N, C-alpha and C. Protein backbone atom coordinates (compact mmCIF):
# COMPACT_ATOMS: atom_id res chain seq x y z
N MET A 1 89.40 41.53 146.18
CA MET A 1 89.48 40.93 144.86
C MET A 1 88.64 40.13 143.92
N ASN A 2 88.24 40.43 143.18
CA ASN A 2 87.33 39.88 142.42
C ASN A 2 88.01 38.45 141.63
N PRO A 3 87.01 37.29 141.96
CA PRO A 3 87.28 36.33 140.87
C PRO A 3 87.41 36.86 139.36
N SER A 4 88.01 36.22 138.66
CA SER A 4 87.80 36.87 137.06
C SER A 4 86.53 35.83 136.57
N PRO A 5 86.11 36.41 135.57
CA PRO A 5 85.12 36.14 135.68
C PRO A 5 84.66 34.98 134.76
N GLU A 6 84.04 34.43 134.27
CA GLU A 6 83.74 32.90 133.32
C GLU A 6 84.03 33.41 132.04
N PRO A 7 84.23 32.59 130.97
CA PRO A 7 84.41 32.86 129.66
C PRO A 7 82.82 32.90 129.00
N LEU A 8 82.57 34.01 128.20
CA LEU A 8 81.75 33.39 127.73
C LEU A 8 81.70 32.42 126.86
N ALA A 9 82.43 32.07 125.80
CA ALA A 9 83.10 31.10 125.01
C ALA A 9 84.33 30.91 125.03
N TYR A 10 84.91 29.63 124.14
CA TYR A 10 86.40 29.29 124.20
C TYR A 10 86.80 28.59 122.54
N SER A 11 87.49 29.51 122.81
CA SER A 11 88.36 28.87 121.56
C SER A 11 88.46 27.43 121.43
N VAL A 12 88.41 27.07 119.93
CA VAL A 12 88.82 25.19 119.72
C VAL A 12 89.70 24.77 120.89
N SER A 13 91.07 25.35 120.75
CA SER A 13 92.18 25.28 122.00
C SER A 13 91.90 24.86 123.29
N GLU A 14 91.19 26.12 123.46
CA GLU A 14 91.04 26.37 125.00
C GLU A 14 89.48 25.46 125.61
N ALA A 15 88.70 24.83 124.70
CA ALA A 15 87.67 24.02 124.74
C ALA A 15 88.54 22.40 124.86
N CYS A 16 89.27 22.79 123.94
CA CYS A 16 90.43 21.07 124.25
C CYS A 16 90.81 21.17 125.59
N ARG A 17 91.51 21.97 126.03
CA ARG A 17 91.65 21.85 127.46
C ARG A 17 91.46 21.96 128.74
N VAL A 18 90.08 22.38 128.49
CA VAL A 18 89.04 22.41 129.29
C VAL A 18 88.34 21.93 129.42
N SER A 19 88.02 21.06 128.65
CA SER A 19 87.80 19.49 128.99
C SER A 19 87.97 18.27 128.26
N THR A 20 89.13 18.47 127.83
CA THR A 20 90.27 17.14 128.00
C THR A 20 89.44 16.26 126.53
N LEU A 21 89.04 17.33 125.89
CA LEU A 21 88.72 16.23 124.80
C LEU A 21 89.44 16.61 123.33
N GLY A 22 89.72 16.14 122.50
CA GLY A 22 90.69 16.13 121.62
C GLY A 22 90.05 17.12 120.52
N LYS A 23 90.98 17.83 119.56
CA LYS A 23 90.42 18.46 118.52
C LYS A 23 89.27 17.78 117.51
N THR A 24 89.88 16.67 117.21
CA THR A 24 88.72 16.03 115.90
C THR A 24 87.87 15.53 116.81
N ARG A 25 87.71 15.40 117.99
CA ARG A 25 86.29 14.92 119.05
C ARG A 25 85.31 15.95 119.01
N LEU A 26 85.96 17.13 119.40
CA LEU A 26 84.96 18.14 119.25
C LEU A 26 84.31 18.91 118.03
N TYR A 27 85.51 18.98 117.05
CA TYR A 27 84.90 18.93 115.68
C TYR A 27 83.68 17.87 115.26
N GLN A 28 83.60 16.83 115.65
CA GLN A 28 82.69 15.55 115.60
C GLN A 28 81.69 16.42 115.78
N LEU A 29 81.52 16.70 117.34
CA LEU A 29 80.48 16.56 118.01
C LEU A 29 79.53 17.81 117.64
N ILE A 30 80.23 18.91 117.19
CA ILE A 30 79.70 20.12 116.50
C ILE A 30 79.11 19.41 115.10
N SER A 31 79.75 18.90 114.49
CA SER A 31 78.99 17.84 113.71
C SER A 31 77.95 17.36 113.40
N GLU A 32 77.90 16.45 114.62
CA GLU A 32 76.57 15.78 115.13
C GLU A 32 75.51 16.38 115.12
N GLY A 33 76.31 18.08 115.53
CA GLY A 33 75.30 19.00 116.25
C GLY A 33 74.37 18.60 118.08
N ARG A 34 75.51 18.67 118.91
CA ARG A 34 75.68 17.90 119.91
C ARG A 34 76.32 18.90 120.68
N LEU A 35 77.24 19.73 120.03
CA LEU A 35 77.90 20.88 120.76
C LEU A 35 77.64 22.19 119.82
N GLU A 36 77.96 23.15 120.26
CA GLU A 36 77.58 24.41 118.85
C GLU A 36 78.57 25.22 118.71
N ALA A 37 78.48 26.19 117.82
CA ALA A 37 79.30 26.46 117.36
C ALA A 37 79.50 27.81 116.72
N ARG A 38 80.31 29.10 116.50
CA ARG A 38 79.66 30.17 115.95
C ARG A 38 81.25 30.32 115.58
N LYS A 39 80.92 31.13 114.43
CA LYS A 39 82.32 31.51 113.50
C LYS A 39 82.10 32.85 113.61
N ILE A 40 83.38 33.46 113.62
CA ILE A 40 83.52 34.87 114.02
C ILE A 40 84.92 35.35 113.25
N GLY A 41 84.77 36.10 112.13
CA GLY A 41 85.42 35.54 111.31
C GLY A 41 86.63 34.49 111.10
N SER A 42 87.20 34.32 111.06
CA SER A 42 87.99 33.11 110.68
C SER A 42 88.10 32.50 111.92
N ARG A 43 87.40 32.74 113.24
CA ARG A 43 87.88 31.69 114.41
C ARG A 43 86.43 31.07 115.07
N THR A 44 86.52 29.84 115.49
CA THR A 44 85.53 29.01 115.99
C THR A 44 85.67 29.24 117.17
N LEU A 45 84.29 29.91 117.81
CA LEU A 45 84.06 29.54 119.12
C LEU A 45 82.96 28.84 119.58
N ILE A 46 83.23 28.16 121.00
CA ILE A 46 82.21 27.30 121.69
C ILE A 46 81.35 27.61 122.60
N PRO A 47 80.51 28.29 122.80
CA PRO A 47 79.55 29.12 124.07
C PRO A 47 80.32 27.64 124.86
N ALA A 48 80.02 28.81 126.16
CA ALA A 48 80.48 27.95 127.50
C ALA A 48 79.32 27.15 128.27
N ASP A 49 78.45 27.56 127.54
CA ASP A 49 77.18 26.68 128.20
C ASP A 49 76.91 25.93 126.79
N SER A 50 77.18 25.58 125.92
CA SER A 50 77.11 24.74 125.24
C SER A 50 77.98 23.39 125.81
N LEU A 51 79.47 24.13 125.85
CA LEU A 51 80.32 23.15 126.57
C LEU A 51 80.29 22.69 127.60
N ARG A 52 79.61 23.25 128.46
CA ARG A 52 79.17 22.83 130.04
C ARG A 52 78.01 21.69 130.06
N ALA A 53 76.84 22.15 128.78
CA ALA A 53 75.46 21.35 128.56
C ALA A 53 76.39 19.83 128.42
N LEU A 54 77.39 20.01 127.57
CA LEU A 54 77.63 18.13 126.73
C LEU A 54 78.48 17.71 127.79
N ILE A 55 78.99 18.27 128.84
CA ILE A 55 79.90 17.39 129.99
C ILE A 55 78.45 17.21 131.12
N ALA A 56 78.08 17.92 131.19
CA ALA A 56 77.02 17.57 132.04
C ALA A 56 75.87 16.51 131.58
N GLY A 57 76.35 15.95 130.38
CA GLY A 57 75.29 14.69 129.87
C GLY A 57 74.02 15.56 129.22
N GLU A 58 73.60 16.61 129.12
CA GLU A 58 72.77 16.91 128.05
C GLU A 58 72.43 17.09 127.04
N GLY A 59 73.95 17.09 126.36
CA GLY A 59 73.99 16.43 124.75
C GLY A 59 74.29 15.27 124.25
N GLU A 60 73.82 14.34 125.39
CA GLU A 60 74.01 12.97 124.94
C GLU A 60 72.59 12.53 123.98
N VAL A 61 72.85 11.93 123.11
CA VAL A 61 72.42 11.08 122.03
C VAL A 61 71.56 9.72 122.01
């Protein structure tokens, strides 16, 4: 049985859950340019690579 593939991007709610950061903090990081976000239609998606880089400390200012 194959494990489920890693997601390419997270919704804001999913990013909050997997990172344990709050929604306000995520939007703050996006506005500071430390976290990438893409609007697709009405959805805001956060690329998984960007979230991993932030958690790994690569997004520190």
